[in-house]
N, C-alpha and C. Protein backbone atom coordinates (compact mmCIF):
# COMPACT_ATOMS: atom_id res chain seq x y z
N UNK A 1 107.62 -26.61 -76.22
CA UNK A 1 106.60 -27.22 -77.05
C UNK A 1 106.99 -27.03 -78.51
N UNK A 2 107.00 -28.12 -79.27
CA UNK A 2 107.40 -28.02 -80.68
C UNK A 2 106.31 -27.33 -81.49
N UNK A 3 106.69 -26.89 -82.66
CA UNK A 3 105.77 -26.19 -83.55
C UNK A 3 104.58 -27.07 -83.94
N UNK A 4 104.86 -28.34 -84.23
CA UNK A 4 103.78 -29.27 -84.60
C UNK A 4 102.83 -29.49 -83.44
N UNK A 5 103.36 -29.62 -82.24
CA UNK A 5 102.52 -29.83 -81.06
C UNK A 5 101.66 -28.60 -80.79
N UNK A 6 102.26 -27.43 -80.95
CA UNK A 6 101.50 -26.19 -80.76
C UNK A 6 100.37 -26.09 -81.77
N UNK A 7 100.64 -26.43 -83.03
CA UNK A 7 99.60 -26.38 -84.07
C UNK A 7 98.48 -27.38 -83.78
N UNK A 8 98.86 -28.59 -83.34
CA UNK A 8 97.85 -29.59 -83.01
C UNK A 8 97.00 -29.14 -81.82
N UNK A 9 97.64 -28.55 -80.81
CA UNK A 9 96.90 -28.06 -79.64
C UNK A 9 95.99 -26.89 -80.04
N UNK A 10 96.46 -26.04 -80.94
CA UNK A 10 95.64 -24.92 -81.41
C UNK A 10 94.42 -25.44 -82.17
N UNK A 11 94.64 -26.43 -83.02
CA UNK A 11 93.52 -27.03 -83.76
C UNK A 11 92.52 -27.64 -82.79
N UNK A 12 93.00 -28.37 -81.81
CA UNK A 12 92.12 -28.99 -80.82
C UNK A 12 91.30 -27.94 -80.08
N UNK A 13 91.96 -26.86 -79.66
CA UNK A 13 91.24 -25.79 -78.96
C UNK A 13 90.18 -25.16 -79.85
N UNK A 14 90.51 -24.92 -81.12
CA UNK A 14 89.53 -24.35 -82.05
C UNK A 14 88.37 -25.31 -82.30
N UNK A 15 88.66 -26.59 -82.45
CA UNK A 15 87.60 -27.57 -82.67
C UNK A 15 86.65 -27.64 -81.47
N UNK A 16 87.22 -27.67 -80.27
CA UNK A 16 86.39 -27.73 -79.06
C UNK A 16 85.53 -26.48 -78.93
N UNK A 17 86.15 -25.32 -79.13
CA UNK A 17 85.39 -24.07 -79.03
C UNK A 17 84.27 -24.03 -80.08
N UNK A 18 84.58 -24.42 -81.29
CA UNK A 18 83.56 -24.43 -82.35
C UNK A 18 82.44 -25.40 -82.02
N UNK A 19 82.80 -26.58 -81.53
CA UNK A 19 81.78 -27.58 -81.21
C UNK A 19 80.85 -27.08 -80.11
N UNK A 20 81.42 -26.53 -79.05
CA UNK A 20 80.61 -26.06 -77.93
C UNK A 20 79.73 -24.90 -78.37
N UNK A 21 80.29 -23.95 -79.10
CA UNK A 21 79.51 -22.78 -79.52
C UNK A 21 78.42 -23.14 -80.52
N UNK A 22 78.72 -24.00 -81.48
CA UNK A 22 77.75 -24.31 -82.52
C UNK A 22 76.73 -25.36 -82.11
N UNK A 23 77.10 -26.27 -81.22
CA UNK A 23 76.15 -27.31 -80.83
C UNK A 23 75.16 -26.79 -79.80
N UNK A 24 75.65 -26.01 -78.85
CA UNK A 24 74.77 -25.52 -77.79
C UNK A 24 74.31 -26.62 -76.86
N UNK A 25 74.95 -27.77 -76.92
CA UNK A 25 74.58 -28.92 -76.09
C UNK A 25 75.51 -29.02 -74.89
N UNK A 26 74.94 -29.14 -73.71
CA UNK A 26 75.76 -29.18 -72.51
C UNK A 26 75.45 -30.38 -71.62
N UNK A 27 74.78 -31.40 -72.17
CA UNK A 27 74.56 -32.62 -71.41
C UNK A 27 75.88 -33.37 -71.33
N UNK A 28 76.16 -34.02 -70.20
CA UNK A 28 77.45 -34.69 -70.01
C UNK A 28 77.81 -35.68 -71.14
N UNK A 29 76.87 -36.51 -71.55
CA UNK A 29 77.16 -37.49 -72.60
C UNK A 29 77.55 -36.78 -73.89
N UNK A 30 76.82 -35.74 -74.27
CA UNK A 30 77.13 -35.03 -75.51
C UNK A 30 78.46 -34.29 -75.41
N UNK A 31 78.79 -33.75 -74.25
CA UNK A 31 80.08 -33.09 -74.08
C UNK A 31 81.22 -34.09 -74.23
N UNK A 32 81.05 -35.29 -73.65
CA UNK A 32 82.08 -36.32 -73.77
C UNK A 32 82.22 -36.77 -75.23
N UNK A 33 81.09 -36.99 -75.91
CA UNK A 33 81.16 -37.39 -77.32
C UNK A 33 81.77 -36.29 -78.19
N UNK A 34 81.44 -35.04 -77.89
CA UNK A 34 82.03 -33.92 -78.63
C UNK A 34 83.53 -33.83 -78.41
N UNK A 35 83.95 -33.98 -77.16
CA UNK A 35 85.38 -33.96 -76.85
C UNK A 35 86.09 -35.11 -77.55
N UNK A 36 85.47 -36.28 -77.53
CA UNK A 36 86.06 -37.44 -78.21
C UNK A 36 86.22 -37.18 -79.71
N UNK A 37 85.18 -36.63 -80.34
CA UNK A 37 85.27 -36.37 -81.78
C UNK A 37 86.35 -35.33 -82.10
N UNK A 38 86.50 -34.33 -81.23
CA UNK A 38 87.54 -33.32 -81.44
C UNK A 38 88.93 -33.93 -81.27
N UNK A 39 89.09 -34.76 -80.22
CA UNK A 39 90.38 -35.43 -80.00
C UNK A 39 90.71 -36.37 -81.17
N UNK A 40 89.72 -37.11 -81.64
CA UNK A 40 89.93 -38.03 -82.76
C UNK A 40 90.34 -37.26 -84.01
N UNK A 41 89.68 -36.14 -84.26
CA UNK A 41 90.02 -35.32 -85.43
C UNK A 41 91.44 -34.79 -85.32
N UNK A 42 91.82 -34.29 -84.16
CA UNK A 42 93.18 -33.77 -83.96
C UNK A 42 94.21 -34.89 -84.12
N UNK A 43 93.91 -36.07 -83.57
CA UNK A 43 94.82 -37.20 -83.69
C UNK A 43 95.00 -37.63 -85.15
N UNK A 44 93.87 -37.77 -85.87
CA UNK A 44 93.96 -38.19 -87.28
C UNK A 44 94.67 -37.14 -88.13
N UNK A 45 94.43 -35.88 -87.81
CA UNK A 45 95.09 -34.80 -88.53
C UNK A 45 96.60 -34.88 -88.33
N UNK A 46 97.01 -35.15 -87.08
CA UNK A 46 98.44 -35.28 -86.78
C UNK A 46 99.03 -36.49 -87.51
N UNK A 47 98.31 -37.62 -87.51
CA UNK A 47 98.81 -38.84 -88.17
C UNK A 47 98.92 -38.67 -89.67
N UNK A 48 98.05 -37.87 -90.26
CA UNK A 48 98.10 -37.64 -91.71
C UNK A 48 99.24 -36.72 -92.11
N UNK A 49 99.93 -36.14 -91.14
CA UNK A 49 101.04 -35.24 -91.45
C UNK A 49 100.58 -33.85 -91.86
N UNK A 50 99.38 -33.50 -91.48
CA UNK A 50 98.81 -32.20 -91.84
C UNK A 50 99.71 -31.04 -91.42
N UNK A 51 100.34 -31.16 -90.27
CA UNK A 51 101.15 -30.06 -89.74
C UNK A 51 102.59 -30.10 -90.22
N UNK A 52 102.93 -31.08 -91.05
CA UNK A 52 104.27 -31.14 -91.61
C UNK A 52 104.44 -30.18 -92.78
N UNK A 53 103.34 -29.78 -93.38
CA UNK A 53 103.36 -28.93 -94.56
C UNK A 53 103.14 -27.48 -94.14
N UNK A 54 104.04 -26.61 -94.52
CA UNK A 54 103.95 -25.19 -94.13
C UNK A 54 102.76 -24.47 -94.75
N UNK A 55 102.18 -25.04 -95.82
CA UNK A 55 101.02 -24.40 -96.44
C UNK A 55 99.90 -24.26 -95.42
N UNK A 56 99.78 -25.22 -94.51
CA UNK A 56 98.68 -25.23 -93.57
C UNK A 56 99.04 -24.65 -92.21
N UNK A 57 100.19 -24.04 -92.12
CA UNK A 57 100.63 -23.49 -90.83
C UNK A 57 99.69 -22.36 -90.40
N UNK A 58 99.36 -22.36 -89.13
CA UNK A 58 98.51 -21.30 -88.59
C UNK A 58 99.41 -20.13 -88.23
N UNK A 59 99.61 -19.21 -89.15
CA UNK A 59 100.59 -18.14 -88.95
C UNK A 59 100.01 -16.73 -89.02
N UNK A 60 98.73 -16.58 -89.12
CA UNK A 60 98.19 -15.26 -89.34
C UNK A 60 98.05 -14.43 -88.07
N UNK A 61 97.79 -15.06 -86.95
CA UNK A 61 97.73 -14.35 -85.69
C UNK A 61 96.60 -13.35 -85.60
N UNK A 62 96.86 -12.26 -84.90
CA UNK A 62 95.83 -11.27 -84.63
C UNK A 62 95.40 -10.48 -85.86
N UNK A 63 96.27 -10.42 -86.88
CA UNK A 63 95.89 -9.70 -88.10
C UNK A 63 94.65 -10.30 -88.73
N UNK A 64 94.47 -11.62 -88.54
CA UNK A 64 93.32 -12.30 -89.13
C UNK A 64 92.01 -11.78 -88.55
N UNK A 65 91.99 -11.47 -87.25
CA UNK A 65 90.77 -10.95 -86.64
C UNK A 65 90.40 -9.59 -87.21
N UNK A 66 91.39 -8.74 -87.45
CA UNK A 66 91.13 -7.45 -88.09
C UNK A 66 90.59 -7.62 -89.49
N UNK A 67 91.13 -8.60 -90.20
CA UNK A 67 90.64 -8.87 -91.56
C UNK A 67 89.20 -9.36 -91.52
N UNK A 68 88.90 -10.24 -90.58
CA UNK A 68 87.52 -10.75 -90.47
C UNK A 68 86.54 -9.61 -90.18
N UNK A 69 86.94 -8.68 -89.33
CA UNK A 69 86.06 -7.54 -89.02
C UNK A 69 85.83 -6.70 -90.28
N UNK A 70 86.90 -6.44 -91.02
CA UNK A 70 86.76 -5.68 -92.27
C UNK A 70 85.88 -6.44 -93.26
N UNK A 71 86.10 -7.74 -93.38
CA UNK A 71 85.31 -8.55 -94.31
C UNK A 71 83.83 -8.57 -93.92
N UNK A 72 83.54 -8.66 -92.62
CA UNK A 72 82.16 -8.63 -92.15
C UNK A 72 81.49 -7.31 -92.55
N UNK A 73 82.22 -6.21 -92.40
CA UNK A 73 81.68 -4.90 -92.81
C UNK A 73 81.40 -4.88 -94.31
N UNK A 74 82.31 -5.45 -95.09
CA UNK A 74 82.13 -5.49 -96.55
C UNK A 74 80.96 -6.38 -96.95
N UNK A 75 80.76 -7.48 -96.23
CA UNK A 75 79.64 -8.37 -96.52
C UNK A 75 78.32 -7.65 -96.25
N UNK A 76 78.24 -6.94 -95.14
CA UNK A 76 77.02 -6.19 -94.82
C UNK A 76 76.79 -5.10 -95.86
N UNK A 77 77.84 -4.35 -96.20
CA UNK A 77 77.72 -3.28 -97.19
C UNK A 77 77.27 -3.82 -98.53
N UNK A 78 77.87 -4.93 -98.96
CA UNK A 78 77.51 -5.53 -100.25
C UNK A 78 76.11 -6.11 -100.22
N UNK A 79 75.71 -6.66 -99.08
CA UNK A 79 74.36 -7.21 -98.95
C UNK A 79 73.32 -6.12 -99.15
N UNK A 80 73.55 -4.97 -98.56
CA UNK A 80 72.63 -3.85 -98.70
C UNK A 80 72.60 -3.38 -100.15
N UNK A 81 73.77 -3.31 -100.78
CA UNK A 81 73.84 -2.89 -102.19
C UNK A 81 73.10 -3.87 -103.11
N UNK A 82 73.31 -5.15 -102.91
CA UNK A 82 72.63 -6.16 -103.75
C UNK A 82 71.13 -6.11 -103.51
N UNK A 83 70.71 -5.97 -102.25
CA UNK A 83 69.28 -5.87 -101.95
C UNK A 83 68.68 -4.64 -102.63
N UNK A 84 69.40 -3.53 -102.60
CA UNK A 84 68.92 -2.29 -103.24
C UNK A 84 68.74 -2.51 -104.75
N UNK A 85 69.68 -3.19 -105.37
CA UNK A 85 69.62 -3.45 -106.81
C UNK A 85 68.47 -4.40 -107.14
N UNK A 86 68.30 -5.44 -106.33
CA UNK A 86 67.29 -6.46 -106.62
C UNK A 86 65.87 -5.93 -106.42
N UNK A 87 65.64 -5.08 -105.43
CA UNK A 87 64.29 -4.56 -105.21
C UNK A 87 63.95 -3.40 -106.15
N UNK A 88 64.91 -2.86 -106.85
CA UNK A 88 64.66 -1.80 -107.80
C UNK A 88 63.85 -2.36 -108.97
N UNK A 89 62.72 -1.74 -109.31
CA UNK A 89 61.88 -2.26 -110.40
C UNK A 89 62.61 -2.33 -111.75
N UNK A 90 63.59 -1.48 -111.96
CA UNK A 90 64.34 -1.50 -113.23
C UNK A 90 65.45 -2.55 -113.23
N UNK A 91 65.73 -3.16 -112.08
CA UNK A 91 66.77 -4.18 -111.92
C UNK A 91 68.07 -3.76 -112.60
N UNK A 92 68.72 -2.72 -112.06
CA UNK A 92 69.92 -2.17 -112.71
C UNK A 92 71.17 -3.03 -112.51
N UNK A 93 71.17 -4.21 -113.12
CA UNK A 93 72.34 -5.07 -113.03
C UNK A 93 73.15 -4.97 -114.32
N UNK A 94 74.40 -5.23 -114.22
CA UNK A 94 75.28 -5.29 -115.40
C UNK A 94 76.26 -6.43 -115.17
N UNK A 95 75.78 -7.67 -115.25
CA UNK A 95 76.64 -8.81 -114.95
C UNK A 95 77.85 -8.85 -115.88
N UNK A 96 78.98 -9.20 -115.30
CA UNK A 96 80.21 -9.26 -116.08
C UNK A 96 81.23 -10.14 -115.39
N UNK A 97 82.17 -10.61 -116.16
CA UNK A 97 83.26 -11.40 -115.61
C UNK A 97 84.52 -10.57 -115.73
N UNK A 98 85.19 -10.41 -114.58
CA UNK A 98 86.45 -9.66 -114.55
C UNK A 98 87.55 -10.59 -114.06
N UNK A 99 88.77 -10.23 -114.37
CA UNK A 99 89.91 -11.02 -113.91
C UNK A 99 90.83 -10.10 -113.14
N UNK A 100 91.23 -10.57 -111.95
CA UNK A 100 92.16 -9.79 -111.14
C UNK A 100 93.40 -10.63 -110.89
N UNK A 101 94.49 -9.95 -110.62
CA UNK A 101 95.75 -10.62 -110.30
C UNK A 101 95.95 -10.53 -108.79
N UNK A 102 96.12 -11.67 -108.15
CA UNK A 102 96.37 -11.67 -106.70
C UNK A 102 97.80 -11.22 -106.45
N UNK A 103 97.97 -10.31 -105.51
CA UNK A 103 99.30 -9.84 -105.14
C UNK A 103 100.08 -10.94 -104.45
N UNK A 104 99.42 -11.67 -103.57
CA UNK A 104 100.07 -12.73 -102.79
C UNK A 104 100.29 -13.96 -103.67
N UNK A 105 101.47 -14.55 -103.54
CA UNK A 105 101.78 -15.74 -104.34
C UNK A 105 101.52 -17.04 -103.58
N UNK A 106 101.31 -16.95 -102.28
CA UNK A 106 101.08 -18.14 -101.47
C UNK A 106 99.69 -18.73 -101.78
N UNK A 107 99.59 -20.04 -101.98
CA UNK A 107 98.31 -20.65 -102.34
C UNK A 107 97.21 -20.44 -101.29
N UNK A 108 97.57 -20.42 -100.02
CA UNK A 108 96.57 -20.19 -98.97
C UNK A 108 96.03 -18.77 -99.07
N UNK A 109 96.89 -17.81 -99.34
CA UNK A 109 96.45 -16.43 -99.49
C UNK A 109 95.50 -16.28 -100.68
N UNK A 110 95.82 -16.95 -101.77
CA UNK A 110 94.94 -16.90 -102.95
C UNK A 110 93.60 -17.56 -102.66
N UNK A 111 93.61 -18.63 -101.88
CA UNK A 111 92.35 -19.28 -101.50
C UNK A 111 91.53 -18.37 -100.59
N UNK A 112 92.19 -17.67 -99.66
CA UNK A 112 91.49 -16.74 -98.78
C UNK A 112 90.87 -15.62 -99.61
N UNK A 113 91.61 -15.11 -100.59
CA UNK A 113 91.08 -14.06 -101.44
C UNK A 113 89.88 -14.55 -102.24
N UNK A 114 90.00 -15.71 -102.86
CA UNK A 114 88.89 -16.26 -103.64
C UNK A 114 87.66 -16.51 -102.77
N UNK A 115 87.86 -17.06 -101.58
CA UNK A 115 86.74 -17.30 -100.68
C UNK A 115 86.12 -16.00 -100.18
N UNK A 116 86.95 -15.01 -99.93
CA UNK A 116 86.43 -13.72 -99.47
C UNK A 116 85.60 -13.06 -100.56
N UNK A 117 86.04 -13.19 -101.80
CA UNK A 117 85.27 -12.64 -102.92
C UNK A 117 83.92 -13.34 -103.00
N UNK A 118 83.90 -14.65 -102.87
CA UNK A 118 82.66 -15.40 -102.96
C UNK A 118 81.74 -15.11 -101.79
N UNK A 119 82.29 -14.86 -100.60
CA UNK A 119 81.47 -14.54 -99.43
C UNK A 119 80.77 -13.19 -99.58
N UNK A 120 81.35 -12.31 -100.35
CA UNK A 120 80.80 -10.97 -100.51
C UNK A 120 79.66 -11.02 -101.53
N UNK A 121 78.43 -10.68 -101.13
CA UNK A 121 77.30 -10.75 -102.04
C UNK A 121 77.52 -9.93 -103.31
N UNK A 122 77.09 -10.50 -104.43
CA UNK A 122 77.22 -9.82 -105.71
C UNK A 122 78.47 -10.19 -106.47
N UNK A 123 79.36 -10.98 -105.86
CA UNK A 123 80.57 -11.43 -106.54
C UNK A 123 80.75 -12.92 -106.30
N UNK A 124 81.34 -13.59 -107.28
CA UNK A 124 81.58 -15.02 -107.18
C UNK A 124 82.89 -15.35 -107.87
N UNK A 125 83.84 -15.89 -107.12
CA UNK A 125 85.12 -16.32 -107.71
C UNK A 125 84.86 -17.59 -108.50
N UNK A 126 85.15 -17.54 -109.79
CA UNK A 126 84.90 -18.68 -110.67
C UNK A 126 86.11 -19.59 -110.81
N UNK A 127 87.30 -18.99 -110.86
CA UNK A 127 88.51 -19.77 -111.11
C UNK A 127 89.72 -19.05 -110.53
N UNK A 128 90.61 -19.83 -109.95
CA UNK A 128 91.89 -19.30 -109.47
C UNK A 128 92.97 -20.14 -110.13
N UNK A 129 93.81 -19.48 -110.91
CA UNK A 129 94.88 -20.20 -111.60
C UNK A 129 96.10 -19.31 -111.70
N UNK A 130 97.19 -19.75 -111.05
CA UNK A 130 98.45 -19.02 -111.08
C UNK A 130 98.30 -17.56 -110.66
N UNK A 131 97.49 -17.34 -109.63
CA UNK A 131 97.34 -15.99 -109.11
C UNK A 131 96.33 -15.13 -109.83
N UNK A 132 95.76 -15.62 -110.90
CA UNK A 132 94.73 -14.87 -111.62
C UNK A 132 93.38 -15.42 -111.19
N UNK A 133 92.50 -14.53 -110.74
CA UNK A 133 91.20 -14.93 -110.24
C UNK A 133 90.13 -14.36 -111.16
N UNK A 134 89.33 -15.26 -111.68
CA UNK A 134 88.22 -14.87 -112.55
C UNK A 134 86.98 -14.73 -111.67
N UNK A 135 86.30 -13.59 -111.77
CA UNK A 135 85.20 -13.28 -110.86
C UNK A 135 83.98 -12.82 -111.65
N UNK A 136 82.81 -13.36 -111.28
CA UNK A 136 81.55 -12.88 -111.84
C UNK A 136 81.03 -11.80 -110.91
N UNK A 137 80.72 -10.63 -111.46
CA UNK A 137 80.19 -9.52 -110.68
C UNK A 137 78.79 -9.19 -111.16
N UNK A 138 77.89 -8.92 -110.22
CA UNK A 138 76.51 -8.62 -110.55
C UNK A 138 76.35 -7.21 -111.12
N UNK A 139 77.17 -6.28 -110.64
CA UNK A 139 77.04 -4.89 -111.06
C UNK A 139 78.41 -4.31 -111.43
N UNK A 140 78.38 -3.21 -112.14
CA UNK A 140 79.61 -2.49 -112.49
C UNK A 140 80.30 -1.96 -111.23
N UNK A 141 79.50 -1.50 -110.27
CA UNK A 141 80.07 -0.99 -109.02
C UNK A 141 80.82 -2.10 -108.27
N UNK A 142 80.26 -3.30 -108.28
CA UNK A 142 80.94 -4.43 -107.65
C UNK A 142 82.24 -4.75 -108.33
N UNK A 143 82.24 -4.70 -109.66
CA UNK A 143 83.46 -4.95 -110.42
C UNK A 143 84.50 -3.88 -110.14
N UNK A 144 84.07 -2.63 -110.08
CA UNK A 144 85.00 -1.53 -109.79
C UNK A 144 85.59 -1.66 -108.39
N UNK A 145 84.76 -2.05 -107.43
CA UNK A 145 85.25 -2.27 -106.06
C UNK A 145 86.34 -3.33 -106.05
N UNK A 146 86.09 -4.41 -106.76
CA UNK A 146 87.05 -5.51 -106.81
C UNK A 146 88.34 -5.08 -107.50
N UNK A 147 88.21 -4.35 -108.60
CA UNK A 147 89.38 -3.89 -109.35
C UNK A 147 90.21 -2.87 -108.57
N UNK A 148 89.59 -2.22 -107.57
CA UNK A 148 90.34 -1.24 -106.78
C UNK A 148 91.48 -1.90 -106.01
N UNK A 149 91.34 -3.20 -105.75
CA UNK A 149 92.42 -3.95 -105.13
C UNK A 149 92.47 -3.90 -103.61
N UNK A 150 91.46 -3.32 -102.96
CA UNK A 150 91.47 -3.21 -101.51
C UNK A 150 91.45 -4.58 -100.83
N UNK A 151 90.60 -5.48 -101.30
CA UNK A 151 90.54 -6.82 -100.70
C UNK A 151 91.85 -7.56 -100.92
N UNK A 152 92.39 -7.46 -102.10
CA UNK A 152 93.67 -8.12 -102.42
C UNK A 152 94.78 -7.58 -101.52
N UNK A 153 94.80 -6.28 -101.33
CA UNK A 153 95.82 -5.66 -100.48
C UNK A 153 95.71 -6.14 -99.04
N UNK A 154 94.49 -6.26 -98.54
CA UNK A 154 94.29 -6.69 -97.16
C UNK A 154 94.65 -8.17 -96.97
N UNK A 155 94.34 -9.00 -97.96
CA UNK A 155 94.72 -10.41 -97.87
C UNK A 155 96.23 -10.55 -97.90
N UNK A 156 96.89 -9.82 -98.79
CA UNK A 156 98.35 -9.88 -98.89
C UNK A 156 99.00 -9.41 -97.59
N UNK A 157 98.37 -8.46 -96.89
CA UNK A 157 98.92 -7.93 -95.64
C UNK A 157 98.81 -8.94 -94.49
N UNK A 158 97.97 -9.96 -94.62
CA UNK A 158 97.83 -10.95 -93.56
C UNK A 158 99.14 -11.66 -93.24
N UNK A 159 99.92 -11.95 -94.24
CA UNK A 159 101.15 -12.73 -94.05
C UNK A 159 102.34 -11.83 -93.69
N UNK A 160 102.22 -10.53 -93.87
CA UNK A 160 103.32 -9.62 -93.57
C UNK A 160 103.42 -9.38 -92.08
N UNK A 161 104.55 -8.92 -91.66
CA UNK A 161 104.66 -8.49 -90.28
C UNK A 161 105.48 -9.34 -89.49
């Protein structure tokens, strides 16, 4: 099986799994329509040459699941921290904009880092340009967490190995 065929089959499998899990519909007509839409999407993606470009190659493998678990923990931790700050009558916020340098030079890695920052409550990636990410942080602690480089290190580790 060629690399392009494997990527197309992987996309199709992911689309079908996502459709079934998110729709929750199991009537025969809806299953057929869902399968048709997934097949059409995979076909159009193949025709557009989506898998010809290495930027979009699905290469992260099992490391991605470990990263997602770590990110989920960080989202929960940050959610609790933001809730604690917001319910405090003194509202101890110190909004600021910080700039970090992404370790990874690959555009997909930088996009993953920017999106991960935005997913984490209390931080928002404002701009990504040439590996420099401008981030709005709600608190000083959030800015310090970001500057520690842990998220950047974990994103950069996704492509290694």
